[in-house]
Amino acid sequence: HDPAPIVSNDVSMGDEGRIGILTGPNQGGKTTYTQMVGLCQLLGQTGLWVPAVQARLSPVDNIYTHYPVEEQLARGTGRFGDEAQRLSQIFTRATRHSLLLLNESLASTNPGESLYIAQDIMRILRRLGIRAIFATHLHELAADVAALNASTTGESRIVSLVASRTEA
C-alpha cells in the first residue's frame, strides 16, 4: 500500500501578516499545521534540522500554546473559565517577540459569544505585535480580518488562512 503523499505548506509571518486565522473543514489539517509551525520554530531555534525546503526563522522568546485540555471540575471554573484563565496568563507574559499557537480556543462557549471574544483576542494580539496562528471553526472571524486590521492599531497584521483536504 502506498504511503500517504506529503503535503507541503508555506508559512510566512512577516510584514504581510503575523497573525493567521486558520479555518477549514474537520480533518483538514488545521491542528497539524499549527503544531508544525511550533515544531519548526523549536527545531530551528535550537539549531536542529527543520523539515523544510527552505527556512528563515527569527528567534522567539517563548512559544505559548492554547489547546483544549480536560475540564478540571475541582477548580469550579468550568471549561470556559479555565480557557480564560490560561489566556490571561499568556497575555501577561507574552511579548512582541513571542509565538502563540491557539487551537480551537473558545469552542466551549456558544458561537455568538466565542466570535465576540475571539475578535477581542485578535485585537489584543495585534496590539502586542505578536506572531500567532489561531486554528478555529469561526469562519466569521476569518471573514472579518479587514475590519479587525482597520479598527486596531498594531504592527501584526491579521490574515485569513484556509486549510483544505487533498485526495490521495
C-alpha atoms as a PDB file:
ATOM      1  CA  HIS A   1       0.000   0.000   0.000  1.00  0.00           C
ATOM      2  CA  ASP A   2       1.365   3.394  -0.997  1.00  0.00           C
ATOM      3  CA  PRO A   3       2.180   5.836   1.789  1.00  0.00           C
ATOM      4  CA  ALA A   4       0.097   8.998   2.029  1.00  0.00           C
ATOM      5  CA  PRO A   5       1.556  11.809  -0.045  1.00  0.00           C
ATOM      6  CA  ILE A   6       3.439  14.544   1.750  1.00  0.00           C
ATOM      7  CA  VAL A   7       1.562  17.825   1.554  1.00  0.00           C
ATOM      8  CA  SER A   8       3.848  20.829   1.830  1.00  0.00           C
ATOM      9  CA  ASN A   9       2.671  24.142   3.261  1.00  0.00           C
ATOM     10  CA  ASP A  10       4.236  27.576   3.241  1.00  0.00           C
ATOM     11  CA  VAL A  11       4.419  29.596   6.433  1.00  0.00           C
ATOM     12  CA  SER A  12       5.195  33.295   6.401  1.00  0.00           C
ATOM     13  CA  MET A  13       4.863  35.603   9.372  1.00  0.00           C
ATOM     14  CA  GLY A  14       6.317  38.818   8.006  1.00  0.00           C
ATOM     15  CA  ASP A  15       5.005  42.220   7.038  1.00  0.00           C
ATOM     16  CA  GLU A  16       2.145  40.729   5.026  1.00  0.00           C
ATOM     17  CA  GLY A  17       0.719  39.097   8.144  1.00  0.00           C
ATOM     18  CA  ARG A  18       1.961  37.945  11.527  1.00  0.00           C
ATOM     19  CA  ILE A  19      -1.357  36.616  12.859  1.00  0.00           C
ATOM     20  CA  GLY A  20      -3.104  33.889  10.904  1.00  0.00           C
ATOM     21  CA  ILE A  21      -6.709  32.892  11.477  1.00  0.00           C
ATOM     22  CA  LEU A  22      -6.720  29.323  10.153  1.00  0.00           C
ATOM     23  CA  THR A  23     -10.081  27.881   9.145  1.00  0.00           C
ATOM     24  CA  GLY A  24     -11.090  24.812   7.175  1.00  0.00           C
ATOM     25  CA  PRO A  25     -13.038  21.559   7.363  1.00  0.00           C
ATOM     26  CA  ASN A  26     -12.814  18.936  10.081  1.00  0.00           C
ATOM     27  CA  GLN A  27      -9.804  16.709   9.417  1.00  0.00           C
ATOM     28  CA  GLY A  28      -8.462  19.406   7.071  1.00  0.00           C
ATOM     29  CA  GLY A  29      -5.077  19.704   8.785  1.00  0.00           C
ATOM     30  CA  LYS A  30      -5.579  22.817  10.948  1.00  0.00           C
ATOM     31  CA  THR A  31      -4.182  21.246  14.112  1.00  0.00           C
ATOM     32  CA  THR A  32      -1.321  19.552  12.266  1.00  0.00           C
ATOM     33  CA  TYR A  33      -0.360  22.832  10.560  1.00  0.00           C
ATOM     34  CA  THR A  34      -0.453  24.726  13.856  1.00  0.00           C
ATOM     35  CA  GLN A  35       1.663  22.104  15.595  1.00  0.00           C
ATOM     36  CA  MET A  36       4.162  22.085  12.729  1.00  0.00           C
ATOM     37  CA  VAL A  37       4.642  25.861  12.942  1.00  0.00           C
ATOM     38  CA  GLY A  38       5.610  25.441  16.595  1.00  0.00           C
ATOM     39  CA  LEU A  39       7.808  22.406  15.969  1.00  0.00           C
ATOM     40  CA  CYS A  40       9.695  24.079  13.110  1.00  0.00           C
ATOM     41  CA  GLN A  41      10.291  27.138  15.292  1.00  0.00           C
ATOM     42  CA  LEU A  42      11.522  24.983  18.166  1.00  0.00           C
ATOM     43  CA  LEU A  43      13.759  22.840  15.951  1.00  0.00           C
ATOM     44  CA  GLY A  44      15.268  25.789  14.104  1.00  0.00           C
ATOM     45  CA  GLN A  45      15.793  27.861  17.204  1.00  0.00           C
ATOM     46  CA  THR A  46      17.649  25.021  18.933  1.00  0.00           C
ATOM     47  CA  GLY A  47      19.918  24.550  15.917  1.00  0.00           C
ATOM     48  CA  LEU A  48      18.370  21.337  14.666  1.00  0.00           C
ATOM     49  CA  TRP A  49      17.276  20.380  11.159  1.00  0.00           C
ATOM     50  CA  VAL A  50      13.942  21.882  10.105  1.00  0.00           C
ATOM     51  CA  PRO A  51      11.814  19.675   7.812  1.00  0.00           C
ATOM     52  CA  ALA A  52      11.513  22.252   5.055  1.00  0.00           C
ATOM     53  CA  VAL A  53      12.775  23.001   1.583  1.00  0.00           C
ATOM     54  CA  GLN A  54      13.868  26.366   2.915  1.00  0.00           C
ATOM     55  CA  ALA A  55      13.528  28.116   6.278  1.00  0.00           C
ATOM     56  CA  ARG A  56      14.398  31.519   7.648  1.00  0.00           C
ATOM     57  CA  LEU A  57      13.389  31.870  11.282  1.00  0.00           C
ATOM     58  CA  SER A  58      13.721  34.692  13.737  1.00  0.00           C
ATOM     59  CA  PRO A  59      14.082  33.696  17.390  1.00  0.00           C
ATOM     60  CA  VAL A  60      11.151  33.932  19.764  1.00  0.00           C
ATOM     61  CA  ASP A  61      11.373  34.482  23.499  1.00  0.00           C
ATOM     62  CA  ASN A  62       8.631  31.919  24.162  1.00  0.00           C
ATOM     63  CA  ILE A  63       6.221  29.644  22.360  1.00  0.00           C
ATOM     64  CA  TYR A  64       2.821  29.737  24.044  1.00  0.00           C
ATOM     65  CA  THR A  65       0.103  27.212  23.276  1.00  0.00           C
ATOM     66  CA  HIS A  66      -3.604  27.313  23.991  1.00  0.00           C
ATOM     67  CA  TYR A  67      -5.046  23.903  23.164  1.00  0.00           C
ATOM     68  CA  PRO A  68      -8.095  22.186  24.647  1.00  0.00           C
ATOM     69  CA  VAL A  69      -7.438  20.424  27.943  1.00  0.00           C
ATOM     70  CA  GLU A  70      -9.646  18.236  30.064  1.00  0.00           C
ATOM     71  CA  GLU A  71     -12.028  20.208  32.196  1.00  0.00           C
ATOM     72  CA  GLN A  72     -10.899  20.446  35.814  1.00  0.00           C
ATOM     73  CA  LEU A  73     -14.178  20.489  37.701  1.00  0.00           C
ATOM     74  CA  ALA A  74     -12.415  20.719  41.058  1.00  0.00           C
ATOM     75  CA  ARG A  75     -11.497  24.343  40.305  1.00  0.00           C
ATOM     76  CA  GLY A  76     -15.134  25.191  39.753  1.00  0.00           C
ATOM     77  CA  THR A  77     -14.373  27.434  36.763  1.00  0.00           C
ATOM     78  CA  GLY A  78     -15.775  25.223  34.025  1.00  0.00           C
ATOM     79  CA  ARG A  79     -14.174  24.810  30.629  1.00  0.00           C
ATOM     80  CA  PHE A  80     -14.643  28.429  29.522  1.00  0.00           C
ATOM     81  CA  GLY A  81     -13.349  29.783  32.837  1.00  0.00           C
ATOM     82  CA  ASP A  82     -10.289  27.584  32.529  1.00  0.00           C
ATOM     83  CA  GLU A  83      -9.679  28.787  28.946  1.00  0.00           C
ATOM     84  CA  ALA A  84      -9.998  32.420  30.059  1.00  0.00           C
ATOM     85  CA  GLN A  85      -7.544  31.919  32.929  1.00  0.00           C
ATOM     86  CA  ARG A  86      -4.983  30.281  30.652  1.00  0.00           C
ATOM     87  CA  LEU A  87      -5.350  33.074  28.071  1.00  0.00           C
ATOM     88  CA  SER A  88      -4.927  35.680  30.800  1.00  0.00           C
ATOM     89  CA  GLN A  89      -1.683  34.030  31.926  1.00  0.00           C
ATOM     90  CA  ILE A  90      -0.383  34.044  28.344  1.00  0.00           C
ATOM     91  CA  PHE A  91      -1.294  37.708  27.811  1.00  0.00           C
ATOM     92  CA  THR A  92       0.519  38.792  30.988  1.00  0.00           C
ATOM     93  CA  ARG A  93       3.744  37.081  29.821  1.00  0.00           C
ATOM     94  CA  ALA A  94       3.755  37.287  26.012  1.00  0.00           C
ATOM     95  CA  THR A  95       5.762  39.944  24.178  1.00  0.00           C
ATOM     96  CA  ARG A  96       6.036  41.073  20.585  1.00  0.00           C
ATOM     97  CA  HIS A  97       8.854  38.508  20.290  1.00  0.00           C
ATOM     98  CA  SER A  98       6.634  35.549  21.261  1.00  0.00           C
ATOM     99  CA  LEU A  99       4.817  32.940  19.192  1.00  0.00           C
ATOM    100  CA  LEU A 100       1.276  31.953  20.212  1.00  0.00           C
ATOM    101  CA  LEU A 101      -0.472  28.857  18.865  1.00  0.00           C
ATOM    102  CA  LEU A 102      -4.197  28.590  19.569  1.00  0.00           C
ATOM    103  CA  ASN A 103      -6.176  25.515  18.595  1.00  0.00           C
ATOM    104  CA  GLU A 104      -9.977  25.547  18.781  1.00  0.00           C
ATOM    105  CA  SER A 105      -9.865  28.047  21.635  1.00  0.00           C
ATOM    106  CA  LEU A 106     -13.292  29.258  22.792  1.00  0.00           C
ATOM    107  CA  ALA A 107     -15.045  26.191  21.368  1.00  0.00           C
ATOM    108  CA  SER A 108     -16.559  25.564  24.799  1.00  0.00           C
ATOM    109  CA  THR A 109     -18.897  28.560  24.606  1.00  0.00           C
ATOM    110  CA  ASN A 110     -21.716  29.398  22.202  1.00  0.00           C
ATOM    111  CA  PRO A 111     -20.758  30.611  18.700  1.00  0.00           C
ATOM    112  CA  GLY A 112     -22.011  34.191  19.184  1.00  0.00           C
ATOM    113  CA  GLU A 113     -20.070  34.757  22.393  1.00  0.00           C
ATOM    114  CA  SER A 114     -16.981  32.960  21.115  1.00  0.00           C
ATOM    115  CA  LEU A 115     -16.898  35.166  17.993  1.00  0.00           C
ATOM    116  CA  TYR A 116     -17.144  38.336  20.099  1.00  0.00           C
ATOM    117  CA  ILE A 117     -14.375  37.155  22.453  1.00  0.00           C
ATOM    118  CA  ALA A 118     -12.195  35.928  19.574  1.00  0.00           C
ATOM    119  CA  GLN A 119     -12.409  39.380  17.933  1.00  0.00           C
ATOM    120  CA  ASP A 120     -11.149  40.933  21.172  1.00  0.00           C
ATOM    121  CA  ILE A 121      -8.342  38.372  21.360  1.00  0.00           C
ATOM    122  CA  MET A 122      -7.282  39.232  17.800  1.00  0.00           C
ATOM    123  CA  ARG A 123      -7.220  42.935  18.711  1.00  0.00           C
ATOM    124  CA  ILE A 124      -5.030  42.184  21.751  1.00  0.00           C
ATOM    125  CA  LEU A 125      -2.649  40.096  19.642  1.00  0.00           C
ATOM    126  CA  ARG A 126      -2.444  42.845  17.025  1.00  0.00           C
ATOM    127  CA  ARG A 127      -1.609  45.445  19.686  1.00  0.00           C
ATOM    128  CA  LEU A 128       1.016  43.139  21.224  1.00  0.00           C
ATOM    129  CA  GLY A 129       2.730  42.743  17.865  1.00  0.00           C
ATOM    130  CA  ILE A 130       2.960  39.006  18.435  1.00  0.00           C
ATOM    131  CA  ARG A 131       3.171  36.188  15.869  1.00  0.00           C
ATOM    132  CA  ALA A 132       0.259  33.774  16.148  1.00  0.00           C
ATOM    133  CA  ILE A 133      -1.798  31.050  14.488  1.00  0.00           C
ATOM    134  CA  PHE A 134      -5.416  30.622  15.598  1.00  0.00           C
ATOM    135  CA  ALA A 135      -6.919  27.380  14.247  1.00  0.00           C
ATOM    136  CA  THR A 136     -10.682  27.752  14.526  1.00  0.00           C
ATOM    137  CA  HIS A 137     -14.093  26.937  13.090  1.00  0.00           C
ATOM    138  CA  LEU A 138     -15.099  30.597  13.464  1.00  0.00           C
ATOM    139  CA  HIS A 139     -15.279  31.360   9.737  1.00  0.00           C
ATOM    140  CA  GLU A 140     -16.927  34.724  10.525  1.00  0.00           C
ATOM    141  CA  LEU A 141     -13.750  35.745  12.365  1.00  0.00           C
ATOM    142  CA  ALA A 142     -11.606  34.990   9.308  1.00  0.00           C
ATOM    143  CA  ALA A 143     -14.037  36.847   7.054  1.00  0.00           C
ATOM    144  CA  ASP A 144     -13.637  39.947   9.246  1.00  0.00           C
ATOM    145  CA  VAL A 145      -9.832  40.381   9.047  1.00  0.00           C
ATOM    146  CA  ALA A 146     -10.020  43.642   7.081  1.00  0.00           C
ATOM    147  CA  ALA A 147     -12.243  45.232   9.724  1.00  0.00           C
ATOM    148  CA  LEU A 148     -10.058  43.914  12.555  1.00  0.00           C
ATOM    149  CA  ASN A 149      -6.921  45.333  10.939  1.00  0.00           C
ATOM    150  CA  ALA A 150      -8.625  48.681  10.224  1.00  0.00           C
ATOM    151  CA  SER A 151     -10.086  49.087  13.711  1.00  0.00           C
ATOM    152  CA  THR A 152      -6.975  48.180  15.704  1.00  0.00           C
ATOM    153  CA  THR A 153      -3.507  49.679  15.594  1.00  0.00           C
ATOM    154  CA  GLY A 154      -0.500  47.422  15.724  1.00  0.00           C
ATOM    155  CA  GLU A 155       2.278  46.044  13.604  1.00  0.00           C
ATOM    156  CA  SER A 156       0.946  42.477  13.479  1.00  0.00           C
ATOM    157  CA  ARG A 157      -1.434  42.293  10.530  1.00  0.00           C
ATOM    158  CA  ILE A 158      -4.126  39.654  10.705  1.00  0.00           C
ATOM    159  CA  VAL A 159      -4.620  37.377   7.694  1.00  0.00           C
ATOM    160  CA  SER A 160      -7.011  34.575   6.824  1.00  0.00           C
ATOM    161  CA  LEU A 161      -5.539  31.151   6.100  1.00  0.00           C
ATOM    162  CA  VAL A 162      -7.684  28.296   4.786  1.00  0.00           C
ATOM    163  CA  ALA A 163      -6.847  24.608   5.206  1.00  0.00           C
ATOM    164  CA  SER A 164      -8.317  22.089   2.810  1.00  0.00           C
ATOM    165  CA  ARG A 165      -8.282  18.374   2.307  1.00  0.00           C
ATOM    166  CA  THR A 166      -6.441  16.757  -0.564  1.00  0.00           C
ATOM    167  CA  GLU A 167      -7.400  13.499  -2.175  1.00  0.00           C
ATOM    168  CA  ALA A 168      -4.665  10.916  -2.433  1.00  0.00           C
END
